[in-house]
Amino acid sequence: MGRIEEMRSLTEHLVQAHKDRTEALEPLAAETASQLAGFHADRAEMAAEQRERLREALEPLAPETASQLAGFHAARAEMAAEQRERLMEGRRQLASETAAMSEELHEETLGVAEAWRQMAAPITRERLGGGEKQRPARSHTDDLTAIQGIGPTTQKRLLTGGIRTFSQLAKASPERVKKIIGPGSRAGVKEWIARAGALAGTG
């Protein structure tokens, strides 16, 4: 029985010790819970205060930041416009220079073609049969009205009849001249011939 009593006494002692420890920890647990609650509340309050301070600190910067951003966008747009204008000006200048070079090249090509044509002309004439025949020079015509008695109408008839110079008139017979000028005033034909000879230097 002694051993049983001893075990019962030990058990009661352990239970009482646990009860005493629990009763002793209850105030500590309550205090700890209260401290934790206060810590969480303080932390929440501090976080709210920090957020408010940050908002107050950033609020004045918002307009300035917006202004800076607007200025940045405006400057970027202006730079883009200038770059586009420079690019267009470069393109216009390039087009102008290209057109001028094309015109110069065209003129040079025409000049070279003309030079080749002139150089090849003699060869072409030789191949076509010994060269191009020389065109007869246009006959000289004297002013036959310088002879007294020959007017514009008579001169026209003489030219049509093949008498164009003083020398031709000086060599023509009176009969031929009369035949050419037709009916009308034929007086002085011999004087015309003589005067023509003097003007031609053959009289």
Protein backbone atom coordinates (compact mmCIF):
# COMPACT_ATOMS: atom_id res chain seq x y z
CA MET A 1 0.00 0.00 0.00
CA GLY A 2 2.85 2.26 0.64
CA ARG A 3 3.91 2.20 -2.98
CA ILE A 4 0.41 2.96 -4.22
CA GLU A 5 0.08 5.84 -1.87
CA GLU A 6 3.41 7.14 -3.00
CA MET A 7 2.31 7.02 -6.68
CA ARG A 8 -1.01 8.69 -5.85
CA SER A 9 0.80 11.43 -3.97
CA LEU A 10 3.15 11.92 -6.88
CA THR A 11 0.30 12.14 -9.32
CA GLU A 12 -1.57 14.65 -7.21
CA HIS A 13 1.61 16.67 -6.94
CA LEU A 14 2.08 16.67 -10.74
CA VAL A 15 -1.55 17.69 -11.30
CA GLN A 16 -1.26 20.45 -8.76
CA ALA A 17 1.99 21.62 -10.31
CA HIS A 18 0.41 21.73 -13.74
CA LYS A 19 -2.58 23.61 -12.32
CA ASP A 20 -0.30 26.08 -10.58
CA ARG A 21 1.74 26.54 -13.75
CA THR A 22 -1.39 27.07 -15.83
CA GLU A 23 -2.75 29.61 -13.35
CA ALA A 24 0.61 31.36 -13.36
CA LEU A 25 0.77 31.47 -17.18
CA GLU A 26 -2.76 32.75 -17.68
CA PRO A 27 -1.90 36.39 -16.74
CA LEU A 28 1.27 36.17 -18.83
CA ALA A 29 -0.68 34.85 -21.84
CA ALA A 30 -3.24 37.61 -21.46
CA GLU A 31 -0.50 40.22 -21.17
CA THR A 32 1.31 38.77 -24.18
CA ALA A 33 -1.92 38.77 -26.21
CA SER A 34 -2.54 42.37 -25.17
CA GLN A 35 1.00 43.35 -26.14
CA LEU A 36 0.68 41.61 -29.50
CA ALA A 37 -2.63 43.36 -30.12
CA GLY A 38 -1.05 46.67 -29.25
CA PHE A 39 1.93 45.92 -31.48
CA HIS A 40 -0.34 45.13 -34.44
CA ALA A 41 -2.36 48.26 -33.80
CA ASP A 42 0.78 50.37 -33.53
CA ARG A 43 2.16 48.84 -36.69
CA ALA A 44 -1.09 49.51 -38.56
CA GLU A 45 -1.11 53.08 -37.33
CA MET A 46 2.53 53.57 -38.30
CA ALA A 47 1.84 52.13 -41.76
CA ALA A 48 -1.10 54.50 -42.21
CA GLU A 49 1.03 57.43 -41.08
CA GLN A 50 3.80 56.45 -43.49
CA ARG A 51 1.33 56.16 -46.34
CA GLU A 52 -0.07 59.58 -45.54
CA ARG A 53 3.38 61.12 -45.31
CA LEU A 54 4.38 59.54 -48.60
CA ARG A 55 1.21 60.81 -50.25
CA GLU A 56 1.82 64.30 -48.88
CA ALA A 57 5.42 64.17 -50.10
CA LEU A 58 4.48 62.98 -53.59
CA GLU A 59 1.45 65.21 -54.07
CA PRO A 60 3.47 68.40 -54.84
CA LEU A 61 5.60 66.42 -57.29
CA ALA A 62 2.65 65.27 -59.38
CA PRO A 63 2.05 68.58 -61.25
CA GLU A 64 5.78 69.09 -61.76
CA THR A 65 6.16 65.54 -63.05
CA ALA A 66 3.16 65.97 -65.34
CA SER A 67 4.64 69.24 -66.63
CA GLN A 68 8.01 67.61 -67.25
CA LEU A 69 6.36 64.74 -69.08
CA ALA A 70 4.34 67.15 -71.21
CA GLY A 71 7.50 69.11 -72.03
CA PHE A 72 9.30 65.91 -72.91
CA HIS A 73 6.51 64.82 -75.27
CA ALA A 74 6.38 68.28 -76.88
CA ALA A 75 10.16 68.32 -77.39
CA ARG A 76 10.08 64.84 -78.85
CA ALA A 77 7.28 65.82 -81.23
CA GLU A 78 9.21 68.94 -82.31
CA MET A 79 12.37 66.92 -82.90
CA ALA A 80 10.41 64.38 -84.94
CA ALA A 81 8.90 67.18 -87.05
CA GLU A 82 12.35 68.70 -87.65
CA GLN A 83 13.75 65.33 -88.63
CA ARG A 84 10.86 64.75 -91.05
CA GLU A 85 11.39 68.21 -92.58
CA ARG A 86 15.13 67.60 -92.97
CA LEU A 87 14.43 64.25 -94.53
CA MET A 88 11.94 65.78 -96.99
CA GLU A 89 14.39 68.58 -97.81
CA GLY A 90 17.10 66.00 -98.41
CA ARG A 91 14.78 64.07 -100.70
CA ARG A 92 13.82 67.23 -102.62
CA GLN A 93 17.46 68.22 -103.03
CA LEU A 94 18.36 64.72 -104.15
CA ALA A 95 15.52 64.73 -106.67
CA SER A 96 16.63 68.14 -107.99
CA GLU A 97 20.24 67.05 -108.30
CA THR A 98 19.18 63.81 -109.96
CA ALA A 99 17.04 65.72 -112.47
CA ALA A 100 19.92 68.12 -113.21
CA MET A 101 22.34 65.23 -113.68
CA SER A 102 19.83 63.48 -115.91
CA GLU A 103 19.44 66.63 -118.01
CA GLU A 104 23.21 67.06 -118.28
CA LEU A 105 23.60 63.41 -119.24
CA HIS A 106 20.87 63.79 -121.85
CA GLU A 107 22.58 66.84 -123.35
CA GLU A 108 25.94 65.08 -123.34
CA THR A 109 24.36 62.06 -125.00
CA LEU A 110 22.87 64.27 -127.70
CA GLY A 111 26.24 65.96 -128.17
CA VAL A 112 28.02 62.62 -128.49
CA ALA A 113 25.38 61.37 -130.91
CA GLU A 114 25.75 64.49 -133.03
CA ALA A 115 29.55 64.16 -132.99
CA TRP A 116 29.29 60.54 -134.06
CA ARG A 117 26.83 61.47 -136.78
CA GLN A 118 29.18 64.10 -138.14
CA MET A 119 32.13 61.72 -137.97
CA ALA A 120 30.18 58.94 -139.63
CA ALA A 121 28.65 61.14 -142.37
CA PRO A 122 31.67 60.97 -144.74
CA ILE A 123 31.91 57.21 -144.31
CA THR A 124 28.19 56.87 -144.92
CA ARG A 125 28.41 59.00 -148.06
CA GLU A 126 31.31 56.91 -149.35
CA ARG A 127 29.40 53.69 -148.73
CA LEU A 128 26.34 55.08 -150.50
CA GLY A 129 28.30 55.75 -153.69
CA GLY A 130 31.31 57.95 -153.56
CA GLY A 131 30.01 60.74 -151.46
CA GLU A 132 27.03 63.02 -151.46
CA LYS A 133 26.72 65.30 -154.44
CA GLN A 134 27.35 68.89 -153.66
CA ARG A 135 24.27 70.99 -153.88
CA PRO A 136 24.65 73.72 -156.44
CA ALA A 137 25.23 77.06 -154.85
CA ARG A 138 22.34 79.42 -155.08
CA SER A 139 22.83 81.74 -158.08
CA HIS A 140 23.56 85.35 -157.42
CA THR A 141 20.89 87.87 -158.31
CA ASP A 142 21.65 91.50 -159.13
CA ASP A 143 19.23 94.36 -158.65
CA LEU A 144 18.26 94.87 -162.26
CA THR A 145 16.11 97.87 -161.36
CA ALA A 146 19.39 99.77 -161.00
CA ILE A 147 19.23 100.09 -164.80
CA GLN A 148 17.07 103.01 -165.88
CA GLY A 149 13.90 101.81 -167.57
CA ILE A 150 13.68 98.45 -165.74
CA GLY A 151 11.03 98.46 -163.04
CA PRO A 152 9.98 95.77 -160.58
CA THR A 153 7.57 94.13 -163.06
CA THR A 154 10.16 93.98 -165.84
CA GLN A 155 12.78 92.67 -163.40
CA LYS A 156 10.40 89.93 -162.30
CA ARG A 157 9.89 88.86 -165.91
CA LEU A 158 13.65 88.86 -166.55
CA LEU A 159 14.27 86.74 -163.46
CA THR A 160 11.60 84.30 -164.57
CA GLY A 161 13.26 84.18 -168.00
CA GLY A 162 16.58 83.24 -166.49
CA ILE A 163 18.29 86.62 -166.55
CA ARG A 164 19.30 87.28 -162.96
CA THR A 165 22.54 89.25 -163.20
CA PHE A 166 24.00 92.18 -165.05
CA SER A 167 26.40 89.80 -166.78
CA GLN A 168 23.55 87.61 -168.09
CA LEU A 169 21.66 90.64 -169.33
CA ALA A 170 24.79 91.99 -171.02
CA LYS A 171 25.27 88.71 -172.88
CA ALA A 172 21.61 88.38 -173.91
CA SER A 173 20.46 89.45 -177.36
CA PRO A 174 17.85 92.22 -177.72
CA GLU A 175 15.50 89.69 -179.32
CA ARG A 176 15.70 87.37 -176.32
CA VAL A 177 15.14 90.20 -173.90
CA LYS A 178 12.14 91.43 -175.87
CA LYS A 179 10.74 87.92 -175.97
CA ILE A 180 11.13 87.57 -172.19
CA ILE A 181 9.54 90.89 -171.23
CA GLY A 182 6.67 90.33 -173.67
CA PRO A 183 4.51 92.97 -175.29
CA GLY A 184 4.66 96.47 -174.00
CA SER A 185 7.41 98.99 -173.83
CA ARG A 186 10.44 97.50 -175.51
CA ALA A 187 12.21 100.78 -176.08
CA GLY A 188 15.66 101.01 -174.64
CA VAL A 189 16.42 97.28 -174.63
CA LYS A 190 19.76 97.91 -176.29
CA GLU A 191 20.52 100.60 -173.69
CA TRP A 192 19.66 98.08 -170.92
CA ILE A 193 22.11 95.59 -172.36
CA ALA A 194 24.82 98.21 -172.68
CA ARG A 195 24.24 99.51 -169.16
CA ALA A 196 24.26 95.94 -167.81
CA GLY A 197 27.60 95.36 -169.48
CA ALA A 198 28.99 98.45 -167.83
CA LEU A 199 27.72 97.40 -164.39
CA ALA A 200 29.05 93.86 -164.88
CA GLY A 201 32.41 95.21 -166.00
CA THR A 202 32.19 93.67 -169.43
CA GLY A 203 30.97 96.67 -171.35
